[in-house]
């Protein structure tokens, strides 16, 4: 999509957007100059940031496989889905359970344009899309498309992959997660990943806080404890809260240094 087409679709190509920057780091082409500039600047300051994005994407694949193949989940609510790339949630889920149903939610019009064009469900399952903001969980939970696609009386896999760190403020993410989980029945799962500064040096942590204060980064990092608190009341699935690359890695996977990933990950089951 060129800049002119983007503007006509309600997209501002002059402002970087997390979904498009993430797409750039993953090697995609659905991004604009502002997204690439933002990505390059963060990568200049934190050279391993792309490794974290790749590890996060790989975690999504493994977590979705766990939910379908081991936990028996057949419904997914994926909020902050980002731009389509290889092994999207419904593709992994329907590979293991063709009747799986997935609702994607994102607040970027470009994501919705591409999702509707590219994310085709299996004949047995269903895939739907909602344009909404995680900061307003009520708008997601009340959306008719959600209720047309998913049965909220049956367990749901709530996927919050690399999206909660765009909710700024100490303690600001927890009530949103709690509201979403309250709407889901027993046996549902929360899958979440979150950027962290825990593994950075004191100098790196100070630099990052400066970037946030200057508005040069839209990612609000959280500590391991703050991330773990998001799973309060849930039963953590082994191995618990670990860097994304260390959550049930493939047997032959090379595990990078934690300072190269800087992403916490966990899965919890609602009793």
Protein backbone atom coordinates (compact mmCIF):
# COMPACT_ATOMS: atom_id res chain seq x y z
CA UNK A 1 0.00 0.00 0.00
CA UNK A 2 1.41 3.41 -0.97
CA UNK A 3 1.08 6.57 1.11
CA UNK A 4 -1.84 7.93 -0.94
CA UNK A 5 -3.85 4.73 -0.60
CA UNK A 6 -3.04 4.61 3.09
CA UNK A 7 -4.43 8.08 3.73
CA UNK A 8 -7.65 7.24 1.87
CA UNK A 9 -8.01 4.19 4.13
CA UNK A 10 -7.71 6.26 7.31
CA UNK A 11 -4.06 5.33 7.90
CA UNK A 12 -1.43 7.94 8.76
CA UNK A 13 1.80 6.78 7.07
CA UNK A 14 3.80 9.60 8.69
CA UNK A 15 3.39 8.19 12.20
CA UNK A 16 5.08 4.91 13.19
CA UNK A 17 2.76 2.16 14.37
CA UNK A 18 3.81 -0.81 16.53
CA UNK A 19 2.22 -3.43 14.25
CA UNK A 20 3.97 -2.09 11.16
CA UNK A 21 7.31 -1.66 12.96
CA UNK A 22 7.04 -5.26 14.20
CA UNK A 23 6.28 -6.32 10.63
CA UNK A 24 9.47 -4.55 9.51
CA UNK A 25 11.57 -6.34 12.14
CA UNK A 26 10.13 -9.67 11.04
CA UNK A 27 11.17 -8.97 7.45
CA UNK A 28 7.73 -8.02 6.15
CA UNK A 29 6.88 -5.39 3.56
CA UNK A 30 3.69 -3.94 5.04
CA UNK A 31 5.24 -0.85 6.58
CA UNK A 32 6.04 2.76 5.79
CA UNK A 33 9.16 4.93 6.01
CA UNK A 34 8.14 6.21 9.47
CA UNK A 35 7.84 2.63 10.76
CA UNK A 36 11.24 1.69 9.35
CA UNK A 37 12.86 4.80 10.79
CA UNK A 38 11.40 4.06 14.21
CA UNK A 39 12.53 0.44 13.99
CA UNK A 40 16.03 1.42 12.86
CA UNK A 41 16.40 3.94 15.67
CA UNK A 42 15.42 1.42 18.33
CA UNK A 43 17.67 -1.19 16.74
CA UNK A 44 20.56 1.29 16.72
CA UNK A 45 20.17 1.82 20.46
CA UNK A 46 19.29 -1.81 21.24
CA UNK A 47 20.92 -3.95 18.51
CA UNK A 48 19.24 -7.22 19.56
CA UNK A 49 15.65 -5.92 19.46
CA UNK A 50 14.91 -7.84 16.27
CA UNK A 51 15.93 -11.10 17.96
CA UNK A 52 13.30 -10.43 20.60
CA UNK A 53 10.66 -9.90 17.92
CA UNK A 54 11.55 -13.18 16.23
CA UNK A 55 11.55 -15.06 19.57
CA UNK A 56 8.18 -13.57 20.39
CA UNK A 57 6.73 -14.73 17.07
CA UNK A 58 8.10 -18.22 17.56
CA UNK A 59 6.53 -18.32 21.04
CA UNK A 60 3.13 -17.54 19.54
CA UNK A 61 3.44 -20.61 17.34
CA UNK A 62 4.48 -22.91 20.19
CA UNK A 63 1.84 -21.55 22.56
CA UNK A 64 -0.95 -21.96 20.02
CA UNK A 65 0.18 -25.50 19.33
CA UNK A 66 0.15 -26.24 23.07
CA UNK A 67 -3.36 -24.87 23.48
CA UNK A 68 -4.80 -26.85 20.61
CA UNK A 69 -2.81 -30.10 20.75
CA UNK A 70 -2.44 -30.46 24.53
CA UNK A 71 -5.02 -28.26 26.26
CA UNK A 72 -7.89 -28.93 23.85
CA UNK A 73 -8.70 -25.27 23.19
CA UNK A 74 -10.77 -24.64 20.06
CA UNK A 75 -11.54 -20.92 20.42
CA UNK A 76 -9.10 -18.02 20.41
CA UNK A 77 -9.35 -14.29 21.06
CA UNK A 78 -6.15 -12.74 19.69
CA UNK A 79 -5.90 -9.05 20.65
CA UNK A 80 -3.19 -6.94 19.07
CA UNK A 81 -2.75 -9.49 16.32
CA UNK A 82 -0.46 -7.37 14.14
CA UNK A 83 0.02 -7.71 10.41
CA UNK A 84 -0.37 -11.18 8.88
CA UNK A 85 2.82 -13.18 8.45
CA UNK A 86 3.73 -16.85 8.59
CA UNK A 87 2.00 -19.06 11.18
CA UNK A 88 -0.75 -16.75 12.34
CA UNK A 89 -2.82 -17.98 15.29
CA UNK A 90 -5.62 -19.51 13.22
CA UNK A 91 -3.18 -21.22 10.86
CA UNK A 92 -1.39 -22.98 13.71
CA UNK A 93 -4.61 -23.77 15.56
CA UNK A 94 -6.42 -25.12 12.50
CA UNK A 95 -3.40 -27.16 11.51
CA UNK A 96 -3.92 -29.17 14.70
CA UNK A 97 -7.69 -28.72 15.07
CA UNK A 98 -9.36 -27.65 11.79
CA UNK A 99 -12.60 -26.60 13.53
CA UNK A 100 -10.84 -23.94 15.63
CA UNK A 101 -12.45 -20.50 15.67
CA UNK A 102 -10.41 -17.30 15.99
CA UNK A 103 -11.33 -13.66 16.51
CA UNK A 104 -8.54 -11.20 15.74
CA UNK A 105 -8.56 -7.70 17.24
CA UNK A 106 -6.35 -4.76 16.31
CA UNK A 107 -6.60 -0.97 16.26
CA UNK A 108 -4.60 -0.38 13.07
CA UNK A 109 -6.79 -0.05 9.93
CA UNK A 110 -3.92 -1.45 7.84
CA UNK A 111 -3.99 -4.65 9.90
CA UNK A 112 -7.70 -5.05 9.25
CA UNK A 113 -7.30 -4.44 5.52
CA UNK A 114 -4.67 -7.16 5.26
CA UNK A 115 -6.34 -9.53 7.70
CA UNK A 116 -9.62 -9.61 5.81
CA UNK A 117 -7.76 -10.15 2.54
CA UNK A 118 -5.24 -12.75 3.67
CA UNK A 119 -6.41 -14.61 6.76
CA UNK A 120 -8.68 -17.28 5.36
CA UNK A 121 -10.11 -19.87 7.70
CA UNK A 122 -10.23 -23.60 7.14
CA UNK A 123 -13.64 -24.81 5.87
CA UNK A 124 -14.37 -26.40 9.25
CA UNK A 125 -13.39 -23.41 11.38
CA UNK A 126 -13.99 -19.69 11.35
CA UNK A 127 -11.89 -16.54 11.44
CA UNK A 128 -13.26 -13.07 12.18
CA UNK A 129 -11.88 -9.58 12.75
CA UNK A 130 -12.69 -6.66 15.04
CA UNK A 131 -11.17 -3.19 14.81
CA UNK A 132 -10.93 -2.12 18.45
CA UNK A 133 -8.46 -0.99 21.10
CA UNK A 134 -7.19 -3.10 24.00
CA UNK A 135 -7.49 0.02 26.18
CA UNK A 136 -11.26 -0.35 25.82
CA UNK A 137 -11.95 -4.01 26.66
CA UNK A 138 -15.68 -3.35 26.94
CA UNK A 139 -15.86 -2.51 23.24
CA UNK A 140 -14.22 -5.85 22.44
CA UNK A 141 -16.38 -7.89 24.78
CA UNK A 142 -19.61 -6.25 23.58
CA UNK A 143 -18.82 -6.55 19.87
CA UNK A 144 -21.40 -8.65 18.01
CA UNK A 145 -18.71 -10.30 15.88
CA UNK A 146 -17.13 -11.74 19.01
CA UNK A 147 -20.40 -13.35 20.08
CA UNK A 148 -21.23 -14.52 16.57
CA UNK A 149 -17.89 -16.33 16.31
CA UNK A 150 -17.03 -17.57 19.81
CA UNK A 151 -19.11 -19.26 22.51
CA UNK A 152 -17.99 -17.55 25.70
CA UNK A 153 -19.51 -20.35 27.76
CA UNK A 154 -16.75 -22.61 26.42
CA UNK A 155 -13.00 -22.20 27.14
CA UNK A 156 -11.13 -19.58 25.13
CA UNK A 157 -7.44 -18.98 24.54
CA UNK A 158 -6.86 -15.26 25.21
CA UNK A 159 -3.76 -14.24 23.26
CA UNK A 160 -2.07 -11.01 24.38
CA UNK A 161 1.17 -11.31 22.47
CA UNK A 162 3.50 -8.28 22.64
CA UNK A 163 0.59 -5.89 23.14
CA UNK A 164 0.31 -5.20 26.88
CA UNK A 165 3.51 -3.15 26.85
CA UNK A 166 1.67 -0.51 24.81
CA UNK A 167 -0.49 0.19 27.86
CA UNK A 168 1.51 2.79 29.73
CA UNK A 169 1.60 3.27 33.48
CA UNK A 170 2.41 1.24 36.56
CA UNK A 171 -0.41 -1.21 37.20
CA UNK A 172 -2.36 -0.04 34.13
CA UNK A 173 -2.39 -3.37 32.29
CA UNK A 174 -3.68 -5.55 35.12
CA UNK A 175 -7.31 -4.30 35.27
CA UNK A 176 -7.63 -4.71 31.51
CA UNK A 177 -6.38 -8.29 31.65
CA UNK A 178 -8.66 -8.98 34.61
CA UNK A 179 -11.72 -7.62 32.80
CA UNK A 180 -11.07 -9.82 29.78
CA UNK A 181 -10.47 -12.91 31.91
CA UNK A 182 -13.61 -12.25 33.95
CA UNK A 183 -15.63 -12.60 30.74
CA UNK A 184 -14.17 -16.04 30.00
CA UNK A 185 -15.18 -19.34 31.60
CA UNK A 186 -13.21 -21.79 33.69
CA UNK A 187 -10.72 -23.74 31.59
CA UNK A 188 -9.75 -20.69 29.52
CA UNK A 189 -6.10 -19.76 29.10
CA UNK A 190 -4.13 -16.51 29.01
CA UNK A 191 -1.07 -16.41 26.78
CA UNK A 192 0.97 -13.24 27.17
CA UNK A 193 4.36 -11.88 26.26
CA UNK A 194 5.79 -8.57 27.38
CA UNK A 195 8.90 -6.47 26.78
CA UNK A 196 11.16 -6.00 29.78
CA UNK A 197 14.29 -4.11 30.74
CA UNK A 198 15.17 -6.66 33.43
CA UNK A 199 18.18 -8.00 31.56
CA UNK A 200 19.68 -4.68 30.53
CA UNK A 201 22.58 -2.96 32.23
CA UNK A 202 21.87 -0.02 34.53
CA UNK A 203 22.97 2.27 31.70
CA UNK A 204 20.64 0.59 29.20
CA UNK A 205 17.72 0.78 31.61
CA UNK A 206 18.34 4.47 32.22
CA UNK A 207 18.59 5.12 28.47
CA UNK A 208 15.33 3.32 27.86
CA UNK A 209 13.48 5.29 30.52
CA UNK A 210 14.81 8.44 28.88
CA UNK A 211 13.43 7.32 25.50
CA UNK A 212 10.00 6.76 27.03
CA UNK A 213 10.07 10.15 28.74
CA UNK A 214 11.01 11.81 25.43
CA UNK A 215 8.27 9.99 23.54
CA UNK A 216 10.79 8.14 21.37
CA UNK A 217 9.54 4.70 22.41
CA UNK A 218 5.94 3.58 22.80
CA UNK A 219 6.86 0.37 24.69
CA UNK A 220 6.34 0.48 28.46
CA UNK A 221 8.58 -2.25 29.84
CA UNK A 222 7.59 -4.19 32.97
CA UNK A 223 9.55 -6.26 35.46
CA UNK A 224 9.16 -9.99 35.94
CA UNK A 225 7.09 -9.41 39.07
CA UNK A 226 4.78 -6.94 37.33
CA UNK A 227 4.33 -9.37 34.46
CA UNK A 228 3.72 -12.29 36.81
CA UNK A 229 1.04 -10.25 38.61
CA UNK A 230 -0.98 -10.28 35.37
CA UNK A 231 -1.51 -14.02 35.97
CA UNK A 232 -2.88 -13.61 39.50
CA UNK A 233 -5.50 -16.28 40.18
CA UNK A 234 -4.42 -18.42 37.23
CA UNK A 235 -2.59 -21.75 37.24
CA UNK A 236 0.73 -21.17 35.51
CA UNK A 237 1.67 -23.77 32.93
CA UNK A 238 5.21 -25.12 33.26
CA UNK A 239 7.85 -23.69 32.98
CA UNK A 240 6.07 -20.61 34.34
CA UNK A 241 7.31 -17.08 33.65
CA UNK A 242 10.42 -17.28 31.47
CA UNK A 243 11.93 -15.41 28.50
CA UNK A 244 10.01 -16.14 25.30
CA UNK A 245 12.84 -18.23 23.87
CA UNK A 246 12.84 -20.47 26.97
CA UNK A 247 9.12 -21.38 27.04
CA UNK A 248 9.14 -25.01 25.85
CA UNK A 249 11.67 -24.42 23.05
CA UNK A 250 12.07 -26.82 20.16
CA UNK A 251 14.48 -29.65 21.09
CA UNK A 252 17.22 -28.44 18.74
CA UNK A 253 16.73 -24.71 19.42
CA UNK A 254 19.72 -22.60 20.36
CA UNK A 255 18.76 -20.53 23.41
CA UNK A 256 20.13 -16.98 23.16
CA UNK A 257 21.25 -14.88 26.10
CA UNK A 258 18.34 -13.38 27.99
CA UNK A 259 19.71 -9.91 27.32
CA UNK A 260 19.24 -10.62 23.59
CA UNK A 261 15.51 -11.35 24.01
CA UNK A 262 14.13 -9.04 26.71
CA UNK A 263 10.63 -10.53 26.45
CA UNK A 264 8.83 -12.32 29.28
CA UNK A 265 6.33 -15.04 28.38
CA UNK A 266 3.85 -17.23 30.25
CA UNK A 267 0.64 -19.22 29.92
CA UNK A 268 -1.93 -19.49 32.69
CA UNK A 269 -5.15 -21.50 33.03
CA UNK A 270 -8.28 -20.07 34.65
CA UNK A 271 -9.45 -22.54 37.33
